[in-house]
Amino acid sequence: THWKHGGIVGVFGYGGGIVGRYSDVPKQFPGVEHFHTVRVNQPSGLYYSTENLRAICNLWEKYGSGMTNMHGSTGDLVLLGTRTENLEPFFWDLTHDLDQDLGGSGSNLRTPSCCLGQVRCEWSCYDTQETCYQLTMSTRNEIIAASYKSIKFPVPMTACRMPS
């Protein structure tokens, strides 16, 4: 591979959500010398409306490559390939026009994720959607600001009863 981790690249006030990537052979591939990845926090239970998905994809066509990875290991929507100078305008439109936020990355606490829980499962032991929402809101600064400098861990939740 000819990708090297980009180190410090991101948006103002955030320590996560952006994974910096630069090509180590930019002259061979001038169109992708920057190819940063953006993680967008998923809605609870991964329920997207078609309008919301269309708006995110249109925004990514405007500022990025248009390529997506539907979903990373934590459930974040992963948007592949943009240049450094596009990060701030993309972030502004994402947070102000679409009312969405970046997910966790780097040394940050990962974005909490959960199963559909009581929404789809009659055997669910607790409301995973509400727990995930409350956990996300209470740890938001750790997700975006890298307060856990050397800790990187996911927070998955499932409401299934364990077999006895």
Protein backbone atom coordinates (compact mmCIF):
# COMPACT_ATOMS: atom_id res chain seq x y z
CA THR A 1 0.00 0.00 0.00
CA HIS A 2 1.10 3.56 -0.60
CA TRP A 3 -0.91 5.20 2.15
CA LYS A 4 0.61 6.65 5.23
CA HIS A 5 -1.33 7.78 8.27
CA GLY A 6 -1.80 11.52 8.02
CA GLY A 7 -1.12 12.33 11.65
CA ILE A 8 -2.81 15.51 12.81
CA VAL A 9 -5.63 16.46 10.50
CA GLY A 10 -9.13 17.34 11.56
CA VAL A 11 -11.67 20.05 12.20
CA PHE A 12 -11.46 22.87 14.73
CA GLY A 13 -12.36 21.76 18.26
CA TYR A 14 -12.48 18.04 17.50
CA GLY A 15 -9.87 15.41 18.21
CA GLY A 16 -11.69 12.65 16.38
CA GLY A 17 -13.92 11.85 13.47
CA ILE A 18 -11.23 12.35 10.83
CA VAL A 19 -8.65 9.73 9.87
CA GLY A 20 -5.84 11.45 7.99
CA ARG A 21 -4.45 9.67 4.93
CA TYR A 22 -1.80 10.87 2.50
CA SER A 23 -0.19 9.03 -0.38
CA ASP A 24 3.55 8.49 -0.08
CA VAL A 25 3.77 8.70 -3.89
CA PRO A 26 1.71 11.84 -4.66
CA LYS A 27 3.33 12.43 -8.06
CA GLN A 28 2.14 9.02 -9.27
CA PHE A 29 -1.42 9.62 -8.02
CA PRO A 30 -1.98 13.39 -8.04
CA GLY A 31 -5.75 13.15 -7.65
CA VAL A 32 -5.57 11.30 -4.36
CA GLU A 33 -2.51 12.69 -2.61
CA HIS A 34 -4.93 13.51 0.24
CA PHE A 35 -7.55 10.83 0.91
CA HIS A 36 -8.85 11.48 4.42
CA THR A 37 -11.63 9.36 5.90
CA VAL A 38 -14.52 10.96 7.81
CA ARG A 39 -16.61 9.08 10.38
CA VAL A 40 -20.17 10.31 10.85
CA ASN A 41 -22.06 9.34 14.00
CA GLN A 42 -24.92 6.99 13.17
CA PRO A 43 -28.50 7.48 14.34
CA SER A 44 -29.66 5.08 17.06
CA GLY A 45 -30.25 1.60 15.72
CA LEU A 46 -28.78 2.59 12.35
CA TYR A 47 -32.19 3.88 11.17
CA TYR A 48 -31.60 6.31 8.33
CA SER A 49 -34.32 7.87 6.25
CA THR A 50 -33.73 7.87 2.51
CA GLU A 51 -33.81 11.68 2.66
CA ASN A 52 -31.03 11.70 5.26
CA LEU A 53 -28.88 9.21 3.33
CA ARG A 54 -29.39 11.17 0.12
CA ALA A 55 -28.39 14.42 1.87
CA ILE A 56 -25.22 12.84 3.31
CA CYS A 57 -24.29 11.31 -0.05
CA ASN A 58 -24.91 14.61 -1.85
CA LEU A 59 -22.75 16.41 0.71
CA TRP A 60 -20.01 13.81 0.24
CA GLU A 61 -20.21 14.18 -3.55
CA LYS A 62 -19.66 17.91 -3.04
CA TYR A 63 -16.70 17.68 -0.62
CA GLY A 64 -15.31 14.17 -1.05
CA SER A 65 -14.92 11.23 -3.37
CA GLY A 66 -18.51 10.05 -3.11
CA MET A 67 -17.33 6.66 -1.82
CA THR A 68 -18.85 5.35 1.42
CA ASN A 69 -18.44 2.37 3.70
CA MET A 70 -21.75 1.51 5.28
CA HIS A 71 -20.71 1.06 8.48
CA GLY A 72 -17.45 0.91 10.34
CA SER A 73 -16.94 -1.44 13.27
CA THR A 74 -18.67 1.00 15.63
CA GLY A 75 -21.56 1.70 13.30
CA ASP A 76 -20.30 5.07 12.14
CA LEU A 77 -20.97 5.89 8.51
CA VAL A 78 -17.50 5.96 6.95
CA LEU A 79 -16.94 8.45 4.14
CA LEU A 80 -13.80 7.72 2.14
CA GLY A 81 -11.54 10.24 0.47
CA THR A 82 -11.40 14.00 0.80
CA ARG A 83 -8.75 16.72 0.78
CA THR A 84 -7.64 18.65 3.86
CA GLU A 85 -9.11 21.94 2.63
CA ASN A 86 -12.57 20.31 2.32
CA LEU A 87 -12.79 19.15 5.94
CA GLU A 88 -13.98 22.39 7.58
CA PRO A 89 -16.65 23.25 4.97
CA PHE A 90 -17.89 19.63 5.01
CA PHE A 91 -18.04 19.65 8.81
CA TRP A 92 -19.95 22.96 8.84
CA ASP A 93 -22.57 21.67 6.40
CA LEU A 94 -22.82 18.31 8.18
CA THR A 95 -23.40 19.83 11.61
CA HIS A 96 -25.41 22.91 10.64
CA ASP A 97 -27.43 21.83 7.62
CA LEU A 98 -27.88 18.11 8.35
CA ASP A 99 -27.72 18.29 12.18
CA GLN A 100 -25.32 15.32 12.35
CA ASP A 101 -22.02 14.93 14.16
CA LEU A 102 -18.69 13.22 13.67
CA GLY A 103 -18.05 9.82 15.20
CA GLY A 104 -15.08 8.74 17.29
CA SER A 105 -11.68 7.84 15.84
CA GLY A 106 -8.00 7.85 16.70
CA SER A 107 -7.29 7.65 20.42
CA ASN A 108 -10.83 8.71 21.27
CA LEU A 109 -13.57 6.74 22.89
CA ARG A 110 -15.36 5.08 19.99
CA THR A 111 -18.95 5.91 19.17
CA PRO A 112 -21.28 3.74 21.29
CA SER A 113 -23.34 1.36 19.17
CA CYS A 114 -26.23 -0.96 19.90
CA CYS A 115 -28.53 -3.57 18.50
CA LEU A 116 -32.12 -2.68 17.61
CA GLY A 117 -33.24 -3.96 21.02
CA GLN A 118 -36.89 -3.48 21.92
CA VAL A 119 -37.62 -1.94 18.54
CA ARG A 120 -37.33 -5.34 16.83
CA CYS A 121 -36.78 -8.00 19.48
CA GLU A 122 -39.39 -9.34 21.87
CA TRP A 123 -36.65 -10.86 24.05
CA SER A 124 -34.78 -7.62 24.64
CA CYS A 125 -33.85 -7.14 28.30
CA TYR A 126 -33.46 -3.35 28.21
CA ASP A 127 -33.89 -0.37 25.92
CA THR A 128 -30.61 -0.37 24.00
CA GLN A 129 -31.62 2.65 21.93
CA GLU A 130 -32.14 4.84 25.00
CA THR A 131 -29.02 3.51 26.74
CA CYS A 132 -26.90 4.14 23.65
CA TYR A 133 -28.32 7.65 23.28
CA GLN A 134 -27.70 8.52 26.94
CA LEU A 135 -24.18 7.06 26.84
CA THR A 136 -23.40 8.96 23.64
CA MET A 137 -24.65 12.24 25.10
CA SER A 138 -22.84 11.76 28.42
CA THR A 139 -19.50 10.85 26.79
CA ARG A 140 -19.72 13.19 23.79
CA ASN A 141 -16.62 15.15 24.79
CA GLU A 142 -14.58 11.96 25.11
CA ILE A 143 -15.80 10.82 21.69
CA ILE A 144 -14.80 14.02 19.91
CA ALA A 145 -12.05 15.56 22.02
CA ALA A 146 -9.67 12.66 22.71
CA SER A 147 -9.73 12.96 26.49
CA TYR A 148 -8.63 9.33 26.73
CA LYS A 149 -5.23 10.00 25.21
CA SER A 150 -4.00 6.44 24.95
CA ILE A 151 -7.21 4.45 25.22
CA LYS A 152 -9.07 3.26 22.14
CA PHE A 153 -12.04 1.01 22.74
CA PRO A 154 -15.52 0.42 21.33
CA VAL A 155 -18.71 0.40 23.41
CA PRO A 156 -21.12 -2.09 21.80
CA MET A 157 -24.41 -3.01 23.50
CA THR A 158 -26.77 -5.90 23.03
CA ALA A 159 -30.02 -6.57 24.88
CA CYS A 160 -30.21 -10.31 24.25
CA ARG A 161 -30.65 -12.61 27.17
CA MET A 162 -27.63 -14.78 27.67
CA PRO A 163 -28.31 -18.53 27.62
CA SER A 164 -28.25 -20.16 31.02
